Amino acid sequence: MAPQQQFHVLAVDDSIIDRKLIERLLKTSSYQVTVVDSGSKALEFLGLNEDEQMDQDVSSVLPSDHEQDLEVNLIITDYWMPGMTGYELLRKIKQSKSLKDIPVVIMSSENVPSRINRCLKEGAEEFFLKPVQMSDVNKLKPHLLRGRAMEDEPIINKIEATLEVI
C-alpha cells in the first residue's frame, strides 16, 4: 500500500552538486526521485519527443508508447541549463495535452524578479532560490496532492455519472 502513496518527482539540473542535494532532500521526505541533467532528457523520460512536442496528436500518443512503470507527480527543474532552460521545459510541459497538469517547480541561484514572475505566469507552481532547503521541499506537498486530485477527477466524475444513472 505504501508504494502507491509515494509521490514520484522528476528533478532536472545540469549541476551534479545541485542534483545530489535535491535528490537527498526529496528522498529524506520519502519521495521517489528520478534525476536527469537536462531539459531534453526530462522530455525524453516523460515521453515527449523534443522536435515533435508541438504536434498535439504526437504528444498525446507518445507518452503512452513510452509509458514508465511510474508516473511523474511533480517536476522540479533548474532555470538556467545549457541547451534548454527550465523556462523552456516548463512551456513545453504546459503545452502538452498529456503533461500539462503535472505541477512544475523552478529553482535558480539568481533572484531575478522578472524571471520569477515570468515562470509563475507561465504555470510554475513555485520558484525556489538555491540552495534548495528542506523548508522548500515541505512546500511541495500541496502541489502534489492537488495534482493527484486532478488525476482522480475523471474517475470521480465517472463514478458520479454511474451513480446518477442508478
N, C-alpha and C. Protein backbone atom coordinates (compact mmCIF):
# COMPACT_ATOMS: atom_id res chain seq x y z
N MET A 1 0.82 -1.19 0.00
CA MET A 1 0.00 0.00 0.00
C MET A 1 0.86 1.26 0.00
N ALA A 2 1.95 1.27 0.74
CA ALA A 2 2.81 2.45 0.84
C ALA A 2 3.39 2.88 -0.50
N PRO A 3 3.88 1.96 -1.37
CA PRO A 3 4.46 2.42 -2.62
C PRO A 3 3.46 3.18 -3.50
N GLN A 4 2.16 2.83 -3.43
CA GLN A 4 1.17 3.55 -4.22
C GLN A 4 1.02 4.98 -3.73
N GLN A 5 1.20 5.20 -2.44
CA GLN A 5 1.03 6.52 -1.86
C GLN A 5 2.25 7.41 -2.09
N GLN A 6 3.40 6.80 -2.43
CA GLN A 6 4.62 7.58 -2.59
C GLN A 6 4.55 8.40 -3.87
N PHE A 7 4.94 9.66 -3.76
CA PHE A 7 4.95 10.55 -4.91
C PHE A 7 6.28 10.42 -5.65
N HIS A 8 6.20 10.56 -6.97
CA HIS A 8 7.40 10.46 -7.82
C HIS A 8 7.73 11.85 -8.37
N VAL A 9 8.94 12.31 -8.09
CA VAL A 9 9.40 13.63 -8.52
C VAL A 9 10.52 13.46 -9.54
N LEU A 10 10.41 14.17 -10.66
CA LEU A 10 11.47 14.23 -11.66
C LEU A 10 12.26 15.51 -11.40
N ALA A 11 13.55 15.36 -11.06
CA ALA A 11 14.42 16.50 -10.76
C ALA A 11 15.36 16.72 -11.93
N VAL A 12 15.43 17.96 -12.42
CA VAL A 12 16.22 18.30 -13.61
C VAL A 12 17.20 19.41 -13.26
N ASP A 13 18.49 19.10 -13.35
CA ASP A 13 19.52 20.12 -13.08
C ASP A 13 20.81 19.68 -13.73
N ASP A 14 21.51 20.62 -14.38
CA ASP A 14 22.77 20.28 -15.04
C ASP A 14 23.93 20.20 -14.04
N SER A 15 23.76 20.73 -12.84
CA SER A 15 24.81 20.70 -11.82
C SER A 15 24.69 19.43 -10.99
N ILE A 16 25.74 18.60 -10.99
CA ILE A 16 25.70 17.36 -10.23
C ILE A 16 25.53 17.62 -8.73
N ILE A 17 26.13 18.70 -8.24
CA ILE A 17 26.02 19.04 -6.82
C ILE A 17 24.57 19.36 -6.47
N ASP A 18 23.93 20.20 -7.29
CA ASP A 18 22.53 20.56 -7.03
C ASP A 18 21.60 19.36 -7.22
N ARG A 19 21.89 18.49 -8.20
CA ARG A 19 21.09 17.28 -8.40
C ARG A 19 21.14 16.39 -7.17
N LYS A 20 22.36 16.19 -6.65
CA LYS A 20 22.53 15.34 -5.46
C LYS A 20 21.81 15.94 -4.25
N LEU A 21 21.91 17.27 -4.09
CA LEU A 21 21.26 17.93 -2.96
C LEU A 21 19.74 17.76 -3.03
N ILE A 22 19.15 18.08 -4.19
CA ILE A 22 17.70 17.99 -4.30
C ILE A 22 17.24 16.53 -4.18
N GLU A 23 18.02 15.62 -4.74
CA GLU A 23 17.68 14.20 -4.63
C GLU A 23 17.67 13.77 -3.15
N ARG A 24 18.68 14.16 -2.41
CA ARG A 24 18.76 13.80 -0.99
C ARG A 24 17.59 14.40 -0.20
N LEU A 25 17.30 15.68 -0.43
CA LEU A 25 16.20 16.33 0.28
C LEU A 25 14.86 15.65 -0.03
N LEU A 26 14.64 15.33 -1.29
CA LEU A 26 13.38 14.69 -1.68
C LEU A 26 13.27 13.28 -1.11
N LYS A 27 14.36 12.52 -1.16
CA LYS A 27 14.32 11.16 -0.61
C LYS A 27 14.14 11.18 0.90
N THR A 28 14.73 12.17 1.57
CA THR A 28 14.54 12.32 3.01
C THR A 28 13.07 12.55 3.33
N SER A 29 12.36 13.18 2.42
CA SER A 29 10.93 13.44 2.60
C SER A 29 10.07 12.31 2.03
N SER A 30 10.69 11.16 1.76
CA SER A 30 10.00 9.95 1.30
C SER A 30 9.42 10.04 -0.11
N TYR A 31 9.99 10.90 -0.95
CA TYR A 31 9.58 10.94 -2.34
C TYR A 31 10.44 9.97 -3.15
N GLN A 32 9.85 9.38 -4.17
CA GLN A 32 10.64 8.61 -5.12
C GLN A 32 11.18 9.63 -6.12
N VAL A 33 12.46 9.54 -6.45
CA VAL A 33 13.10 10.58 -7.25
C VAL A 33 13.81 9.98 -8.47
N THR A 34 13.61 10.64 -9.61
CA THR A 34 14.39 10.35 -10.80
C THR A 34 15.12 11.65 -11.13
N VAL A 35 16.43 11.57 -11.36
CA VAL A 35 17.19 12.77 -11.69
C VAL A 35 17.74 12.67 -13.11
N VAL A 36 17.67 13.80 -13.82
CA VAL A 36 18.27 13.90 -15.16
C VAL A 36 19.02 15.22 -15.22
N ASP A 37 19.95 15.33 -16.17
CA ASP A 37 20.82 16.51 -16.21
C ASP A 37 20.49 17.53 -17.28
N SER A 38 19.34 17.39 -17.94
CA SER A 38 18.98 18.37 -18.98
C SER A 38 17.48 18.34 -19.26
N GLY A 39 17.01 19.45 -19.85
CA GLY A 39 15.61 19.53 -20.24
C GLY A 39 15.24 18.50 -21.29
N SER A 40 16.14 18.27 -22.24
CA SER A 40 15.84 17.29 -23.29
C SER A 40 15.74 15.88 -22.73
N LYS A 41 16.57 15.54 -21.74
CA LYS A 41 16.47 14.22 -21.10
C LYS A 41 15.18 14.11 -20.29
N ALA A 42 14.74 15.23 -19.71
CA ALA A 42 13.47 15.23 -18.98
C ALA A 42 12.32 14.95 -19.94
N LEU A 43 12.33 15.62 -21.10
CA LEU A 43 11.27 15.39 -22.09
C LEU A 43 11.29 13.95 -22.59
N GLU A 44 12.49 13.43 -22.78
CA GLU A 44 12.63 12.04 -23.22
C GLU A 44 12.05 11.10 -22.16
N PHE A 45 12.38 11.33 -20.90
CA PHE A 45 11.87 10.50 -19.82
C PHE A 45 10.35 10.57 -19.76
N LEU A 46 9.80 11.75 -19.99
CA LEU A 46 8.36 11.95 -19.95
C LEU A 46 7.66 11.42 -21.20
N GLY A 47 8.44 11.06 -22.21
CA GLY A 47 7.86 10.51 -23.42
C GLY A 47 7.53 11.54 -24.47
N LEU A 48 8.02 12.76 -24.30
CA LEU A 48 7.80 13.81 -25.30
C LEU A 48 9.01 13.92 -26.19
N ASN A 49 8.80 13.79 -27.49
CA ASN A 49 9.89 13.98 -28.44
C ASN A 49 10.08 15.48 -28.60
N GLU A 50 11.27 15.97 -28.29
CA GLU A 50 11.55 17.42 -28.29
C GLU A 50 11.18 18.08 -29.62
N ASP A 51 11.44 17.41 -30.74
CA ASP A 51 11.18 18.01 -32.04
C ASP A 51 9.70 18.00 -32.40
N GLU A 52 8.94 17.09 -31.81
CA GLU A 52 7.55 16.92 -32.22
C GLU A 52 6.56 17.32 -31.14
N GLN A 53 7.02 17.87 -30.00
CA GLN A 53 6.11 18.13 -28.90
C GLN A 53 5.03 19.15 -29.22
N MET A 54 5.20 19.98 -30.22
CA MET A 54 4.18 20.97 -30.54
C MET A 54 2.99 20.32 -31.27
N ASP A 55 3.20 19.16 -31.88
CA ASP A 55 2.13 18.47 -32.58
C ASP A 55 1.28 17.73 -31.55
N GLN A 56 0.06 18.19 -31.32
CA GLN A 56 -0.76 17.63 -30.25
C GLN A 56 -1.06 16.15 -30.47
N ASP A 57 -1.25 15.74 -31.72
CA ASP A 57 -1.52 14.33 -31.96
C ASP A 57 -0.34 13.48 -31.52
N VAL A 58 0.87 13.94 -31.85
CA VAL A 58 2.07 13.20 -31.48
C VAL A 58 2.25 13.19 -29.97
N SER A 59 2.08 14.35 -29.32
CA SER A 59 2.32 14.41 -27.88
C SER A 59 1.29 13.61 -27.09
N SER A 60 0.09 13.44 -27.64
CA SER A 60 -0.90 12.66 -26.91
C SER A 60 -0.67 11.16 -27.11
N VAL A 61 0.05 10.77 -28.16
CA VAL A 61 0.31 9.36 -28.41
C VAL A 61 1.62 8.91 -27.75
N LEU A 62 2.66 9.76 -27.83
CA LEU A 62 3.97 9.34 -27.36
C LEU A 62 4.03 8.92 -25.90
N PRO A 63 3.44 9.65 -24.95
CA PRO A 63 3.58 9.22 -23.56
C PRO A 63 3.08 7.80 -23.31
N SER A 64 2.00 7.38 -23.97
CA SER A 64 1.53 6.02 -23.75
C SER A 64 2.46 5.00 -24.40
N ASP A 65 3.12 5.39 -25.49
CA ASP A 65 4.08 4.48 -26.12
C ASP A 65 5.35 4.35 -25.26
N HIS A 66 5.64 5.39 -24.48
CA HIS A 66 6.89 5.45 -23.72
C HIS A 66 6.58 5.43 -22.23
N GLU A 67 5.45 4.82 -21.89
CA GLU A 67 4.98 4.87 -20.51
C GLU A 67 5.96 4.21 -19.56
N GLN A 68 6.24 4.92 -18.46
CA GLN A 68 7.07 4.35 -17.42
C GLN A 68 6.18 3.53 -16.49
N ASP A 69 6.82 2.69 -15.68
CA ASP A 69 6.06 1.96 -14.67
C ASP A 69 5.57 2.93 -13.61
N LEU A 70 6.18 4.10 -13.56
CA LEU A 70 5.97 5.06 -12.51
C LEU A 70 5.58 6.39 -13.12
N GLU A 71 4.43 6.92 -12.75
CA GLU A 71 4.06 8.22 -13.29
C GLU A 71 4.75 9.33 -12.50
N VAL A 72 4.99 10.44 -13.17
CA VAL A 72 5.64 11.59 -12.53
C VAL A 72 4.55 12.47 -11.93
N ASN A 73 4.68 12.78 -10.64
CA ASN A 73 3.69 13.61 -9.95
C ASN A 73 4.10 15.07 -9.85
N LEU A 74 5.40 15.35 -10.03
CA LEU A 74 5.88 16.73 -9.96
C LEU A 74 7.25 16.80 -10.64
N ILE A 75 7.52 17.93 -11.27
CA ILE A 75 8.83 18.17 -11.90
C ILE A 75 9.45 19.37 -11.21
N ILE A 76 10.69 19.23 -10.77
CA ILE A 76 11.43 20.36 -10.23
C ILE A 76 12.66 20.55 -11.11
N THR A 77 12.82 21.75 -11.64
CA THR A 77 13.88 21.97 -12.62
C THR A 77 14.65 23.26 -12.35
N ASP A 78 15.93 23.21 -12.65
CA ASP A 78 16.77 24.40 -12.60
C ASP A 78 16.31 25.33 -13.72
N TYR A 79 16.47 26.63 -13.50
CA TYR A 79 16.10 27.59 -14.53
C TYR A 79 17.16 27.64 -15.63
N TRP A 80 18.42 27.81 -15.24
CA TRP A 80 19.47 28.07 -16.22
C TRP A 80 20.27 26.82 -16.50
N MET A 81 20.01 26.19 -17.65
CA MET A 81 20.74 24.99 -18.08
C MET A 81 21.11 25.16 -19.54
N PRO A 82 22.24 24.57 -19.95
CA PRO A 82 22.60 24.65 -21.37
C PRO A 82 21.63 23.83 -22.23
N GLY A 83 21.40 24.29 -23.43
CA GLY A 83 20.53 23.55 -24.36
C GLY A 83 19.08 23.97 -24.24
N MET A 84 18.50 23.81 -23.08
CA MET A 84 17.10 24.16 -22.85
C MET A 84 16.98 24.68 -21.42
N THR A 85 16.45 25.88 -21.27
CA THR A 85 16.28 26.41 -19.92
C THR A 85 15.09 25.74 -19.23
N GLY A 86 15.03 25.90 -17.93
CA GLY A 86 13.89 25.39 -17.19
C GLY A 86 12.60 26.06 -17.63
N TYR A 87 12.69 27.32 -18.01
CA TYR A 87 11.52 28.04 -18.52
C TYR A 87 11.01 27.39 -19.81
N GLU A 88 11.93 27.04 -20.71
CA GLU A 88 11.53 26.39 -21.96
C GLU A 88 10.92 25.00 -21.69
N LEU A 89 11.51 24.29 -20.73
CA LEU A 89 10.96 22.99 -20.34
C LEU A 89 9.55 23.16 -19.77
N LEU A 90 9.37 24.14 -18.92
CA LEU A 90 8.06 24.45 -18.35
C LEU A 90 7.04 24.70 -19.47
N ARG A 91 7.39 25.52 -20.43
CA ARG A 91 6.47 25.85 -21.54
C ARG A 91 6.10 24.60 -22.34
N LYS A 92 7.08 23.74 -22.60
CA LYS A 92 6.80 22.52 -23.37
C LYS A 92 5.87 21.59 -22.60
N ILE A 93 6.08 21.50 -21.31
CA ILE A 93 5.21 20.65 -20.49
C ILE A 93 3.79 21.22 -20.46
N LYS A 94 3.67 22.51 -20.27
CA LYS A 94 2.34 23.13 -20.18
C LYS A 94 1.62 23.15 -21.53
N GLN A 95 2.35 23.03 -22.64
CA GLN A 95 1.73 22.98 -23.97
C GLN A 95 1.33 21.56 -24.35
N SER A 96 1.79 20.59 -23.59
CA SER A 96 1.48 19.19 -23.89
C SER A 96 0.13 18.80 -23.30
N LYS A 97 -0.73 18.28 -24.13
CA LYS A 97 -2.06 17.86 -23.69
C LYS A 97 -1.97 16.83 -22.56
N SER A 98 -1.02 15.93 -22.65
CA SER A 98 -0.93 14.83 -21.68
C SER A 98 -0.13 15.17 -20.43
N LEU A 99 0.69 16.23 -20.46
CA LEU A 99 1.56 16.54 -19.32
C LEU A 99 1.22 17.84 -18.60
N LYS A 100 0.32 18.63 -19.18
CA LYS A 100 0.08 19.99 -18.69
C LYS A 100 -0.36 20.07 -17.23
N ASP A 101 -0.94 19.00 -16.70
CA ASP A 101 -1.42 19.03 -15.31
C ASP A 101 -0.36 18.64 -14.29
N ILE A 102 0.83 18.23 -14.75
CA ILE A 102 1.91 17.91 -13.81
C ILE A 102 2.45 19.22 -13.23
N PRO A 103 2.45 19.37 -11.91
CA PRO A 103 3.00 20.59 -11.32
C PRO A 103 4.50 20.71 -11.61
N VAL A 104 4.93 21.94 -11.92
CA VAL A 104 6.33 22.22 -12.21
C VAL A 104 6.84 23.29 -11.25
N VAL A 105 8.00 23.04 -10.66
CA VAL A 105 8.65 23.99 -9.77
C VAL A 105 10.00 24.36 -10.39
N ILE A 106 10.29 25.65 -10.44
CA ILE A 106 11.55 26.13 -11.00
C ILE A 106 12.45 26.54 -9.83
N MET A 107 13.75 26.29 -9.98
CA MET A 107 14.71 26.74 -8.97
C MET A 107 15.88 27.44 -9.67
N SER A 108 16.45 28.41 -8.97
CA SER A 108 17.56 29.18 -9.55
C SER A 108 18.40 29.78 -8.42
N SER A 109 19.67 29.98 -8.71
CA SER A 109 20.55 30.65 -7.74
C SER A 109 20.47 32.16 -7.90
N GLU A 110 19.79 32.62 -8.96
CA GLU A 110 19.68 34.05 -9.23
C GLU A 110 18.29 34.55 -8.87
N ASN A 111 18.23 35.59 -8.04
CA ASN A 111 16.97 36.18 -7.63
C ASN A 111 16.62 37.32 -8.59
N VAL A 112 16.00 36.98 -9.71
CA VAL A 112 15.63 37.95 -10.73
C VAL A 112 14.10 38.02 -10.78
N PRO A 113 13.51 39.07 -10.19
CA PRO A 113 12.04 39.14 -10.10
C PRO A 113 11.31 38.96 -11.43
N SER A 114 11.80 39.54 -12.51
CA SER A 114 11.12 39.41 -13.80
C SER A 114 11.12 37.95 -14.27
N ARG A 115 12.21 37.24 -14.02
CA ARG A 115 12.30 35.82 -14.38
C ARG A 115 11.33 35.00 -13.52
N ILE A 116 11.30 35.28 -12.24
CA ILE A 116 10.41 34.57 -11.33
C ILE A 116 8.96 34.78 -11.75
N ASN A 117 8.58 36.04 -12.00
CA ASN A 117 7.21 36.34 -12.41
C ASN A 117 6.84 35.69 -13.73
N ARG A 118 7.77 35.67 -14.67
CA ARG A 118 7.51 35.05 -15.97
C ARG A 118 7.25 33.56 -15.82
N CYS A 119 8.02 32.89 -14.97
CA CYS A 119 7.83 31.45 -14.76
C CYS A 119 6.49 31.17 -14.07
N LEU A 120 6.17 31.98 -13.06
CA LEU A 120 4.90 31.79 -12.36
C LEU A 120 3.71 32.06 -13.28
N LYS A 121 3.85 33.08 -14.13
CA LYS A 121 2.78 33.42 -15.08
C LYS A 121 2.59 32.30 -16.11
N GLU A 122 3.66 31.63 -16.46
CA GLU A 122 3.61 30.55 -17.46
C GLU A 122 3.08 29.24 -16.87
N GLY A 123 2.94 29.19 -15.54
CA GLY A 123 2.33 27.99 -14.95
C GLY A 123 3.16 27.28 -13.90
N ALA A 124 4.33 27.80 -13.55
CA ALA A 124 5.12 27.17 -12.48
C ALA A 124 4.37 27.33 -11.16
N GLU A 125 4.41 26.28 -10.36
CA GLU A 125 3.72 26.31 -9.07
C GLU A 125 4.50 27.12 -8.04
N GLU A 126 5.82 27.02 -8.11
CA GLU A 126 6.71 27.70 -7.15
C GLU A 126 7.99 28.07 -7.87
N PHE A 127 8.73 28.99 -7.27
CA PHE A 127 10.07 29.34 -7.73
C PHE A 127 10.95 29.37 -6.49
N PHE A 128 11.88 28.42 -6.39
CA PHE A 128 12.76 28.31 -5.23
C PHE A 128 14.12 28.91 -5.55
N LEU A 129 14.68 29.61 -4.58
CA LEU A 129 16.05 30.09 -4.71
C LEU A 129 16.99 29.02 -4.16
N LYS A 130 18.09 28.79 -4.88
CA LYS A 130 19.09 27.83 -4.44
C LYS A 130 20.00 28.47 -3.41
N PRO A 131 20.55 27.70 -2.52
CA PRO A 131 20.37 26.26 -2.43
C PRO A 131 18.99 25.91 -1.86
N VAL A 132 18.37 24.90 -2.47
CA VAL A 132 17.06 24.43 -2.01
C VAL A 132 17.23 23.85 -0.61
N GLN A 133 16.28 24.13 0.24
CA GLN A 133 16.34 23.66 1.62
C GLN A 133 15.11 22.81 1.94
N MET A 134 15.16 22.15 3.09
CA MET A 134 14.05 21.29 3.49
C MET A 134 12.75 22.08 3.60
N SER A 135 12.82 23.33 4.02
CA SER A 135 11.61 24.16 4.11
C SER A 135 10.97 24.35 2.73
N ASP A 136 11.80 24.39 1.67
CA ASP A 136 11.27 24.48 0.31
C ASP A 136 10.58 23.17 -0.08
N VAL A 137 11.24 22.07 0.21
CA VAL A 137 10.69 20.75 -0.13
C VAL A 137 9.34 20.55 0.57
N ASN A 138 9.21 21.06 1.78
CA ASN A 138 7.94 20.94 2.51
C ASN A 138 6.80 21.67 1.82
N LYS A 139 7.12 22.65 0.97
CA LYS A 139 6.09 23.39 0.23
C LYS A 139 5.55 22.62 -0.97
N LEU A 140 6.16 21.48 -1.29
CA LEU A 140 5.74 20.71 -2.47
C LEU A 140 4.47 19.90 -2.25
N LYS A 141 4.24 19.45 -1.03
CA LYS A 141 3.14 18.53 -0.74
C LYS A 141 1.77 19.01 -1.25
N PRO A 142 1.37 20.28 -1.00
CA PRO A 142 0.06 20.72 -1.51
C PRO A 142 -0.06 20.61 -3.04
N HIS A 143 1.04 20.88 -3.74
CA HIS A 143 1.01 20.79 -5.21
C HIS A 143 0.88 19.34 -5.66
N LEU A 144 1.55 18.45 -4.95
CA LEU A 144 1.45 17.02 -5.25
C LEU A 144 0.03 16.51 -4.98
N LEU A 145 -0.54 16.93 -3.88
CA LEU A 145 -1.90 16.49 -3.54
C LEU A 145 -2.91 17.04 -4.54
N ARG A 146 -2.74 18.30 -4.95
CA ARG A 146 -3.64 18.89 -5.94
C ARG A 146 -3.51 18.16 -7.28
N GLY A 147 -2.27 17.83 -7.65
CA GLY A 147 -2.04 17.09 -8.90
C GLY A 147 -2.69 15.73 -8.86
N ARG A 148 -2.60 15.06 -7.74
CA ARG A 148 -3.22 13.73 -7.61
C ARG A 148 -4.74 13.85 -7.66
N ALA A 149 -5.30 14.89 -7.04
CA ALA A 149 -6.75 15.10 -7.07
C ALA A 149 -7.22 15.33 -8.51
N MET A 150 -6.43 16.08 -9.30
CA MET A 150 -6.78 16.32 -10.70
C MET A 150 -6.75 15.02 -11.50
N GLU A 151 -5.78 14.14 -11.18
CA GLU A 151 -5.71 12.85 -11.86
C GLU A 151 -6.93 12.00 -11.54
N ASP A 152 -7.40 12.08 -10.30
CA ASP A 152 -8.54 11.28 -9.86
C ASP A 152 -9.87 11.83 -10.33
N GLU A 153 -9.91 13.10 -10.75
CA GLU A 153 -11.16 13.75 -11.11
C GLU A 153 -11.95 13.00 -12.18
N PRO A 154 -11.34 12.55 -13.30
CA PRO A 154 -12.11 11.82 -14.31
C PRO A 154 -12.74 10.54 -13.73
N ILE A 155 -12.03 9.87 -12.85
CA ILE A 155 -12.56 8.65 -12.23
C ILE A 155 -13.75 9.00 -11.34
N ILE A 156 -13.61 10.07 -10.56
CA ILE A 156 -14.69 10.50 -9.68
C ILE A 156 -15.90 10.90 -10.50
N ASN A 157 -15.69 11.61 -11.61
CA ASN A 157 -16.80 12.02 -12.48
C ASN A 157 -17.52 10.81 -13.05
N LYS A 158 -16.77 9.77 -13.44
CA LYS A 158 -17.38 8.54 -13.97
C LYS A 158 -18.23 7.86 -12.89
N ILE A 159 -17.70 7.80 -11.68
CA ILE A 159 -18.43 7.17 -10.59
C ILE A 159 -19.72 7.94 -10.31
N GLU A 160 -19.62 9.28 -10.26
CA GLU A 160 -20.80 10.10 -10.01
C GLU A 160 -21.83 9.94 -11.12
N ALA A 161 -21.38 9.88 -12.38
CA ALA A 161 -22.30 9.68 -13.51
C ALA A 161 -22.98 8.32 -13.41
N THR A 162 -22.24 7.30 -13.02
CA THR A 162 -22.81 5.96 -12.88
C THR A 162 -23.85 5.95 -11.75
N LEU A 163 -23.55 6.63 -10.65
CA LEU A 163 -24.49 6.68 -9.52
C LEU A 163 -25.76 7.42 -9.90
N GLU A 164 -25.66 8.46 -10.75
CA GLU A 164 -26.83 9.18 -11.18
C GLU A 164 -27.75 8.30 -12.02
N VAL A 165 -27.16 7.43 -12.84
CA VAL A 165 -27.93 6.52 -13.68
C VAL A 165 -28.68 5.51 -12.81
N ILE A 166 -28.02 5.06 -11.76
CA ILE A 166 -28.61 4.07 -10.86
C ILE A 166 -29.66 4.76 -10.04
